[in-house]
N, C-alpha and C. Protein backbone atom coordinates (compact mmCIF):
# COMPACT_ATOMS: atom_id res chain seq x y z
N MET A 1 250.42 136.93 208.84
CA MET A 1 250.98 137.45 207.60
C MET A 1 251.56 136.30 206.78
N GLU A 2 251.27 136.35 205.52
CA GLU A 2 251.75 135.32 204.60
C GLU A 2 253.15 135.67 204.08
N ASN A 3 253.86 134.65 203.68
CA ASN A 3 255.17 134.83 203.05
C ASN A 3 255.00 134.91 201.54
N VAL A 4 255.95 135.57 200.90
CA VAL A 4 256.06 135.56 199.44
C VAL A 4 257.25 134.66 199.12
N ILE A 5 257.02 133.68 198.29
CA ILE A 5 258.06 132.70 197.97
C ILE A 5 258.48 132.86 196.52
N LEU A 6 259.78 132.97 196.30
CA LEU A 6 260.34 133.04 194.95
C LEU A 6 260.92 131.67 194.65
N ARG A 7 260.48 131.07 193.54
CA ARG A 7 260.92 129.73 193.20
C ARG A 7 261.44 129.72 191.76
N ASP A 8 262.76 129.64 191.64
CA ASP A 8 263.43 129.62 190.33
C ASP A 8 262.94 130.77 189.44
N LEU A 9 262.77 131.93 190.03
CA LEU A 9 262.22 133.09 189.33
C LEU A 9 263.24 133.71 188.39
N SER A 10 262.81 133.97 187.16
CA SER A 10 263.60 134.71 186.19
C SER A 10 262.83 135.97 185.85
N ILE A 11 263.53 137.11 185.89
CA ILE A 11 262.89 138.40 185.64
C ILE A 11 263.58 139.11 184.49
N GLY A 12 262.83 139.95 183.82
CA GLY A 12 263.37 140.70 182.70
C GLY A 12 262.26 141.21 181.82
N TYR A 13 262.55 141.32 180.53
CA TYR A 13 261.64 141.95 179.60
C TYR A 13 261.48 141.11 178.34
N THR A 14 260.30 141.20 177.75
CA THR A 14 260.07 140.64 176.43
C THR A 14 260.40 141.73 175.43
N ILE A 15 261.30 141.43 174.52
CA ILE A 15 261.72 142.40 173.51
C ILE A 15 261.54 141.77 172.14
N LYS A 16 261.69 142.57 171.10
CA LYS A 16 261.59 142.05 169.73
C LYS A 16 262.53 140.86 169.57
N GLY A 17 261.97 139.77 169.12
CA GLY A 17 262.79 138.61 168.85
C GLY A 17 263.14 137.76 170.05
N GLY A 18 262.57 138.03 171.22
CA GLY A 18 262.88 137.17 172.36
C GLY A 18 262.71 137.85 173.71
N LYS A 19 263.51 137.37 174.64
CA LYS A 19 263.41 137.86 176.01
C LYS A 19 264.79 138.32 176.48
N LYS A 20 264.79 139.35 177.30
CA LYS A 20 266.03 139.87 177.89
C LYS A 20 265.95 139.63 179.39
N ALA A 21 266.68 138.62 179.87
CA ALA A 21 266.69 138.29 181.30
C ALA A 21 267.62 139.25 182.03
N VAL A 22 267.14 139.75 183.16
CA VAL A 22 267.94 140.63 184.02
C VAL A 22 268.54 139.81 185.17
N ALA A 23 267.76 138.87 185.69
CA ALA A 23 268.22 137.97 186.75
C ALA A 23 267.48 136.65 186.60
N THR A 24 268.17 135.56 186.90
CA THR A 24 267.57 134.24 186.74
C THR A 24 267.79 133.39 187.99
N GLN A 25 266.96 132.36 188.12
CA GLN A 25 267.07 131.37 189.20
C GLN A 25 267.06 132.01 190.58
N LEU A 26 266.17 132.99 190.79
CA LEU A 26 266.03 133.63 192.10
C LEU A 26 265.17 132.75 192.99
N ASN A 27 265.67 132.45 194.17
CA ASN A 27 264.95 131.65 195.14
C ASN A 27 265.03 132.34 196.49
N GLY A 28 263.93 132.34 197.22
CA GLY A 28 263.96 132.93 198.54
C GLY A 28 262.57 133.12 199.10
N ILE A 29 262.54 133.63 200.32
CA ILE A 29 261.28 133.89 201.02
C ILE A 29 261.32 135.31 201.55
N ILE A 30 260.24 136.03 201.30
CA ILE A 30 260.05 137.36 201.90
C ILE A 30 259.00 137.15 202.98
N ASN A 31 259.40 137.34 204.22
CA ASN A 31 258.53 137.05 205.35
C ASN A 31 257.50 138.16 205.55
N GLY A 32 256.24 137.76 205.63
CA GLY A 32 255.17 138.70 205.89
C GLY A 32 255.35 139.34 207.26
N GLY A 33 254.99 140.61 207.36
CA GLY A 33 255.07 141.32 208.63
C GLY A 33 256.45 141.79 209.01
N GLU A 34 257.42 141.61 208.11
CA GLU A 34 258.78 142.05 208.37
C GLU A 34 259.20 143.06 207.32
N LEU A 35 260.13 143.92 207.68
CA LEU A 35 260.70 144.87 206.74
C LEU A 35 261.80 144.17 205.96
N THR A 36 261.74 144.26 204.66
CA THR A 36 262.75 143.65 203.79
C THR A 36 263.41 144.74 202.98
N CYS A 37 264.72 144.72 202.95
CA CYS A 37 265.49 145.73 202.22
C CYS A 37 266.10 145.09 200.99
N LEU A 38 266.01 145.77 199.88
CA LEU A 38 266.56 145.29 198.61
C LEU A 38 267.67 146.25 198.18
N LEU A 39 268.90 145.76 198.21
CA LEU A 39 270.06 146.59 197.87
C LEU A 39 270.78 146.03 196.66
N GLY A 40 271.38 146.92 195.89
CA GLY A 40 272.19 146.49 194.75
C GLY A 40 272.58 147.66 193.88
N ARG A 41 273.57 147.43 193.04
CA ARG A 41 274.03 148.46 192.11
C ARG A 41 272.93 148.81 191.11
N ASN A 42 273.09 149.94 190.47
CA ASN A 42 272.18 150.33 189.40
C ASN A 42 272.23 149.28 188.28
N GLY A 43 271.06 148.95 187.75
CA GLY A 43 270.99 148.06 186.60
C GLY A 43 271.02 146.57 186.90
N VAL A 44 270.97 146.18 188.18
CA VAL A 44 271.03 144.74 188.48
C VAL A 44 269.65 144.10 188.59
N GLY A 45 268.56 144.90 188.49
CA GLY A 45 267.23 144.33 188.45
C GLY A 45 266.35 144.56 189.67
N LYS A 46 266.72 145.49 190.55
CA LYS A 46 265.90 145.75 191.74
C LYS A 46 264.49 146.20 191.36
N SER A 47 264.39 147.18 190.50
CA SER A 47 263.07 147.68 190.09
C SER A 47 262.31 146.64 189.29
N THR A 48 263.01 145.89 188.46
CA THR A 48 262.37 144.83 187.69
C THR A 48 261.81 143.77 188.63
N LEU A 49 262.56 143.42 189.67
CA LEU A 49 262.07 142.45 190.64
C LEU A 49 260.83 142.98 191.35
N LEU A 50 260.86 144.24 191.77
CA LEU A 50 259.69 144.82 192.45
C LEU A 50 258.48 144.86 191.54
N ARG A 51 258.68 145.21 190.26
CA ARG A 51 257.56 145.22 189.31
C ARG A 51 257.01 143.81 189.10
N THR A 52 257.89 142.81 189.10
CA THR A 52 257.44 141.42 188.93
C THR A 52 256.69 140.96 190.18
N LEU A 53 257.22 141.27 191.36
CA LEU A 53 256.57 140.86 192.62
C LEU A 53 255.22 141.52 192.81
N SER A 54 255.04 142.71 192.25
CA SER A 54 253.76 143.41 192.39
C SER A 54 252.84 143.17 191.21
N ALA A 55 253.21 142.27 190.32
CA ALA A 55 252.41 141.85 189.17
C ALA A 55 252.23 142.97 188.14
N PHE A 56 253.13 143.94 188.13
CA PHE A 56 253.10 144.97 187.09
C PHE A 56 253.69 144.44 185.79
N GLN A 57 254.55 143.44 185.87
CA GLN A 57 255.07 142.79 184.69
C GLN A 57 255.23 141.31 184.99
N PRO A 58 255.07 140.47 183.97
CA PRO A 58 255.12 139.02 184.20
C PRO A 58 256.55 138.52 184.39
N ALA A 59 256.68 137.43 185.11
CA ALA A 59 257.97 136.76 185.24
C ALA A 59 258.32 136.11 183.90
N LEU A 60 259.61 136.00 183.62
CA LEU A 60 260.04 135.29 182.42
C LEU A 60 260.03 133.79 182.64
N GLY A 61 260.13 133.40 183.90
CA GLY A 61 260.11 131.98 184.24
C GLY A 61 260.04 131.82 185.74
N GLY A 62 259.76 130.60 186.18
CA GLY A 62 259.65 130.33 187.60
C GLY A 62 258.36 130.87 188.18
N ASP A 63 258.31 130.94 189.50
CA ASP A 63 257.07 131.33 190.18
C ASP A 63 257.31 132.32 191.30
N VAL A 64 256.31 133.15 191.51
CA VAL A 64 256.16 133.94 192.72
C VAL A 64 254.90 133.40 193.37
N LEU A 65 255.03 132.90 194.59
CA LEU A 65 253.89 132.33 195.30
C LEU A 65 253.44 133.30 196.39
N LEU A 66 252.16 133.61 196.38
CA LEU A 66 251.54 134.46 197.39
C LEU A 66 250.38 133.67 197.98
N GLN A 67 250.40 133.48 199.27
CA GLN A 67 249.41 132.64 199.95
C GLN A 67 249.39 131.23 199.35
N GLY A 68 250.57 130.77 198.95
CA GLY A 68 250.70 129.42 198.41
C GLY A 68 250.28 129.24 196.97
N LYS A 69 249.80 130.33 196.32
CA LYS A 69 249.34 130.26 194.93
C LYS A 69 250.25 131.09 194.04
N PRO A 70 250.46 130.66 192.80
CA PRO A 70 251.25 131.49 191.88
C PRO A 70 250.58 132.85 191.67
N LEU A 71 251.38 133.87 191.66
CA LEU A 71 250.88 135.24 191.46
C LEU A 71 250.07 135.34 190.17
N SER A 72 250.47 134.61 189.15
CA SER A 72 249.79 134.67 187.85
C SER A 72 248.38 134.09 187.90
N SER A 73 248.03 133.35 188.94
CA SER A 73 246.70 132.75 189.02
C SER A 73 245.66 133.67 189.65
N TYR A 74 246.08 134.83 190.14
CA TYR A 74 245.15 135.78 190.76
C TYR A 74 244.55 136.71 189.71
N SER A 75 243.30 137.11 189.93
CA SER A 75 242.69 138.12 189.07
C SER A 75 243.21 139.49 189.50
N ASP A 76 243.01 140.49 188.64
CA ASP A 76 243.42 141.86 188.98
C ASP A 76 242.71 142.33 190.26
N GLN A 77 241.45 142.00 190.40
CA GLN A 77 240.70 142.41 191.59
C GLN A 77 241.27 141.75 192.85
N GLU A 78 241.60 140.47 192.77
CA GLU A 78 242.19 139.79 193.92
C GLU A 78 243.53 140.42 194.29
N LEU A 79 244.35 140.71 193.28
CA LEU A 79 245.65 141.32 193.54
C LEU A 79 245.51 142.70 194.17
N SER A 80 244.48 143.46 193.74
CA SER A 80 244.30 144.80 194.28
C SER A 80 243.97 144.78 195.76
N ARG A 81 243.48 143.65 196.25
CA ARG A 81 243.18 143.52 197.68
C ARG A 81 244.35 142.97 198.48
N LEU A 82 245.35 142.43 197.78
CA LEU A 82 246.48 141.79 198.46
C LEU A 82 247.78 142.57 198.39
N ILE A 83 247.96 143.37 197.34
CA ILE A 83 249.24 144.03 197.11
C ILE A 83 249.05 145.54 197.07
N GLY A 84 249.89 146.24 197.79
CA GLY A 84 249.95 147.69 197.74
C GLY A 84 251.36 148.11 197.41
N VAL A 85 251.52 149.06 196.52
CA VAL A 85 252.83 149.50 196.07
C VAL A 85 252.91 151.02 196.17
N VAL A 86 253.98 151.52 196.77
CA VAL A 86 254.23 152.95 196.81
C VAL A 86 255.49 153.20 196.00
N LEU A 87 255.32 153.87 194.88
CA LEU A 87 256.43 154.17 193.99
C LEU A 87 257.03 155.53 194.33
N THR A 88 258.21 155.81 193.81
CA THR A 88 258.84 157.09 194.06
C THR A 88 258.32 158.18 193.13
N GLU A 89 257.61 157.79 192.07
CA GLU A 89 257.06 158.77 191.14
C GLU A 89 255.92 159.55 191.80
N LYS A 90 255.81 160.81 191.45
CA LYS A 90 254.71 161.63 191.98
C LYS A 90 253.43 161.32 191.22
N PRO A 91 252.33 161.03 191.95
CA PRO A 91 251.06 160.86 191.24
C PRO A 91 250.62 162.20 190.68
N GLN A 92 250.09 162.21 189.48
CA GLN A 92 249.62 163.44 188.85
C GLN A 92 248.19 163.72 189.32
N VAL A 93 248.08 164.25 190.53
CA VAL A 93 246.78 164.48 191.15
C VAL A 93 246.63 165.97 191.41
N ARG A 94 245.52 166.53 190.99
CA ARG A 94 245.22 167.95 191.22
C ARG A 94 243.85 168.06 191.86
N ASN A 95 243.68 169.07 192.70
CA ASN A 95 242.39 169.41 193.31
C ASN A 95 241.76 168.22 194.03
N MET A 96 242.59 167.48 194.76
CA MET A 96 242.10 166.36 195.55
C MET A 96 242.76 166.46 196.92
N THR A 97 241.95 166.26 197.96
CA THR A 97 242.53 166.30 199.30
C THR A 97 243.18 164.96 199.63
N VAL A 98 244.00 164.99 200.66
CA VAL A 98 244.64 163.77 201.15
C VAL A 98 243.58 162.73 201.49
N SER A 99 242.53 163.12 202.20
CA SER A 99 241.47 162.17 202.57
C SER A 99 240.82 161.55 201.34
N GLU A 100 240.59 162.35 200.31
CA GLU A 100 239.98 161.83 199.09
C GLU A 100 240.90 160.83 198.39
N LEU A 101 242.20 161.12 198.37
CA LEU A 101 243.14 160.21 197.74
C LEU A 101 243.23 158.89 198.52
N VAL A 102 243.30 158.98 199.84
CA VAL A 102 243.34 157.75 200.65
C VAL A 102 242.05 156.95 200.43
N ALA A 103 240.93 157.63 200.31
CA ALA A 103 239.65 156.94 200.08
C ALA A 103 239.64 156.18 198.76
N MET A 104 240.42 156.64 197.78
CA MET A 104 240.50 155.92 196.50
C MET A 104 241.09 154.52 196.69
N GLY A 105 241.85 154.33 197.76
CA GLY A 105 242.40 153.02 198.06
C GLY A 105 241.35 151.99 198.43
N ARG A 106 240.14 152.45 198.69
CA ARG A 106 239.03 151.53 199.01
C ARG A 106 238.34 151.02 197.75
N ALA A 107 238.77 151.46 196.57
CA ALA A 107 238.12 151.08 195.31
C ALA A 107 237.91 149.58 195.14
N PRO A 108 238.86 148.73 195.52
CA PRO A 108 238.60 147.29 195.34
C PRO A 108 237.43 146.76 196.18
N TYR A 109 236.97 147.55 197.14
CA TYR A 109 235.93 147.09 198.06
C TYR A 109 234.59 147.80 197.88
N THR A 110 234.56 148.83 197.03
CA THR A 110 233.34 149.65 196.95
C THR A 110 232.46 149.36 195.76
N GLY A 111 232.88 148.50 194.86
CA GLY A 111 232.07 148.21 193.70
C GLY A 111 232.24 149.24 192.60
N PHE A 112 231.46 149.10 191.57
CA PHE A 112 231.60 149.91 190.36
C PHE A 112 231.47 151.41 190.62
N TRP A 113 230.54 151.82 191.45
CA TRP A 113 230.27 153.25 191.65
C TRP A 113 231.22 153.89 192.66
N GLY A 114 231.93 153.10 193.44
CA GLY A 114 232.91 153.66 194.37
C GLY A 114 232.31 154.42 195.53
N ILE A 115 231.10 154.09 195.93
CA ILE A 115 230.45 154.79 197.03
C ILE A 115 230.95 154.21 198.35
N LEU A 116 231.47 155.09 199.22
CA LEU A 116 232.02 154.66 200.49
C LEU A 116 230.92 154.45 201.52
N SER A 117 230.99 153.32 202.20
CA SER A 117 230.08 153.06 203.32
C SER A 117 230.66 153.70 204.57
N LYS A 118 229.90 153.66 205.66
CA LYS A 118 230.42 154.16 206.94
C LYS A 118 231.67 153.39 207.34
N ASP A 119 231.66 152.09 207.09
CA ASP A 119 232.82 151.26 207.42
C ASP A 119 234.03 151.66 206.58
N ASP A 120 233.82 151.94 205.28
CA ASP A 120 234.91 152.41 204.42
C ASP A 120 235.49 153.72 204.95
N ARG A 121 234.63 154.64 205.34
CA ARG A 121 235.10 155.93 205.87
C ARG A 121 235.90 155.73 207.16
N ARG A 122 235.44 154.79 207.99
CA ARG A 122 236.16 154.50 209.23
C ARG A 122 237.55 153.95 208.90
N ILE A 123 237.63 153.07 207.91
CA ILE A 123 238.91 152.49 207.51
C ILE A 123 239.84 153.56 206.95
N VAL A 124 239.31 154.49 206.17
CA VAL A 124 240.11 155.60 205.64
C VAL A 124 240.66 156.43 206.80
N ASP A 125 239.81 156.79 207.76
CA ASP A 125 240.25 157.58 208.92
C ASP A 125 241.29 156.83 209.73
N GLU A 126 241.09 155.54 209.91
CA GLU A 126 242.04 154.71 210.66
C GLU A 126 243.38 154.64 209.94
N SER A 127 243.35 154.51 208.62
CA SER A 127 244.59 154.45 207.84
C SER A 127 245.37 155.75 207.97
N ILE A 128 244.67 156.86 207.90
CA ILE A 128 245.31 158.17 208.05
C ILE A 128 245.93 158.29 209.44
N GLN A 129 245.23 157.83 210.45
CA GLN A 129 245.73 157.89 211.82
C GLN A 129 246.94 156.97 212.00
N LEU A 130 246.88 155.76 211.47
CA LEU A 130 247.98 154.80 211.63
C LEU A 130 249.29 155.32 211.04
N VAL A 131 249.19 156.06 209.95
CA VAL A 131 250.38 156.59 209.30
C VAL A 131 250.81 157.93 209.94
N GLY A 132 249.92 158.51 210.74
CA GLY A 132 250.27 159.74 211.44
C GLY A 132 250.19 160.99 210.59
N ILE A 133 249.19 161.04 209.68
CA ILE A 133 249.07 162.19 208.79
C ILE A 133 247.74 162.92 208.97
N GLU A 134 247.18 162.85 210.19
CA GLU A 134 245.89 163.51 210.44
C GLU A 134 245.93 165.00 210.09
N ALA A 135 247.06 165.65 210.39
CA ALA A 135 247.19 167.09 210.13
C ALA A 135 247.18 167.41 208.63
N LEU A 136 247.41 166.41 207.81
CA LEU A 136 247.44 166.63 206.35
C LEU A 136 246.12 166.33 205.67
N SER A 137 245.17 165.75 206.39
CA SER A 137 243.98 165.16 205.74
C SER A 137 243.16 166.12 204.89
N HIS A 138 243.19 167.42 205.18
CA HIS A 138 242.40 168.37 204.39
C HIS A 138 243.26 169.16 203.40
N ARG A 139 244.55 168.84 203.34
CA ARG A 139 245.43 169.53 202.39
C ARG A 139 245.27 168.96 200.99
N GLN A 140 245.57 169.77 200.01
CA GLN A 140 245.58 169.33 198.62
C GLN A 140 246.84 168.50 198.38
N VAL A 141 246.69 167.41 197.66
CA VAL A 141 247.81 166.49 197.43
C VAL A 141 248.97 167.20 196.75
N GLN A 142 248.69 168.09 195.80
CA GLN A 142 249.77 168.77 195.07
C GLN A 142 250.59 169.71 195.96
N SER A 143 250.11 170.01 197.18
CA SER A 143 250.84 170.91 198.08
C SER A 143 251.79 170.16 199.02
N LEU A 144 251.84 168.84 198.93
CA LEU A 144 252.63 168.03 199.86
C LEU A 144 254.08 167.90 199.42
N SER A 145 254.95 167.69 200.39
CA SER A 145 256.34 167.35 200.08
C SER A 145 256.38 165.91 199.60
N ASP A 146 257.52 165.49 199.05
CA ASP A 146 257.65 164.11 198.57
C ASP A 146 257.43 163.11 199.71
N GLY A 147 258.02 163.37 200.87
CA GLY A 147 257.87 162.47 202.01
C GLY A 147 256.43 162.40 202.51
N GLU A 148 255.76 163.55 202.57
CA GLU A 148 254.35 163.57 202.98
C GLU A 148 253.50 162.78 201.99
N ARG A 149 253.78 162.97 200.69
CA ARG A 149 253.01 162.28 199.65
C ARG A 149 253.19 160.77 199.76
N GLN A 150 254.39 160.33 200.05
CA GLN A 150 254.61 158.89 200.19
C GLN A 150 253.87 158.33 201.40
N LYS A 151 253.80 159.08 202.48
CA LYS A 151 253.01 158.63 203.64
C LYS A 151 251.54 158.51 203.26
N VAL A 152 251.05 159.47 202.48
CA VAL A 152 249.67 159.43 202.03
C VAL A 152 249.44 158.17 201.19
N MET A 153 250.37 157.86 200.31
CA MET A 153 250.22 156.68 199.47
C MET A 153 250.26 155.39 200.28
N ILE A 154 251.02 155.37 201.36
CA ILE A 154 251.04 154.22 202.25
C ILE A 154 249.67 154.06 202.92
N ALA A 155 249.10 155.18 203.36
CA ALA A 155 247.76 155.13 203.98
C ALA A 155 246.76 154.60 202.99
């Protein structure tokens, strides 16, 4: 597992007439394969940091290094194979089973048409098993509790 390195990272937003920094000069290492907890009061930049680390928004300054390379140097396709994010928001999904939604996670590997190979199907089944949601695999996503839905998104 690779580490994520923060080097003089500044996070925030681009607004009319300039930039609004939420936090500056962040330095540290997030160790791959370990659970990392991010705690802080409301409004101190936790969500902004997570959005920056997942490349949903650009850093205002400094670097986020993933596999020794700046996050900004990766293509969207490369990032889709390296970063997975589970948000607290409910996905607006209707008439789709858990298995079908988990299979959508194979999109970076299936090409333009999204046709799953036998290996892709095996990986989907394995992901469902690893998260322990086999009993949910044929349920409709909209029928799940928040906790069940988050497990599905992890798979």
